[in-house]
């Protein structure tokens, strides 16, 4: 019998847990350390550990089948300014969609943020001329709190509607957690 299975596609995780299985996830921020240092340490006997900002142990009764992360520095283009948004949901697809929507909601207008039309970066982008984030300079505490507040409000609504189980977001060293 299969007790546990997971598929990790660059931070988007599809997950199956049997009755006795568990799955641990950690949330790290690459800005806190040089990842290459951890890769070198890991090859030298596993002594390197990435600093974590959150750690969760999932069980079957949690009914989490997907974990997804989105951020403006990620593989996809983002309308938001978040360093990372991690979402837990019943399916990987639901987590992925929610992470993208919440990440896009974490935004403000500020001279510290540089955005360009998506097609300037990738001519065949499905975002067309929508402005995507390419740089986020140092923000004030009020700007950070405002941006995170937008994402928090959307995540709370998604939790209330049963679309997601929870969310963690980071922006320039500040974090918010909803329902985790």
Foldseek 3Di string as FASTA:
>chain_A
DDAWDWDDDPAKIFIDHHQPDKDKDFAAQCVVDPVVVQVVVCVVPNPRDGDTPDMDIGHVVLLWGIKHKDACPDPDFALAHFSMKIFTANGSVLRHVLNRVLRNQLHDDDPQWDWFQPCVVPVPDPSGGRTTTDGGGDDDPVSNVVSVVRSQVSQQVCVVVRSTQWMWTHDPHDIDIDND
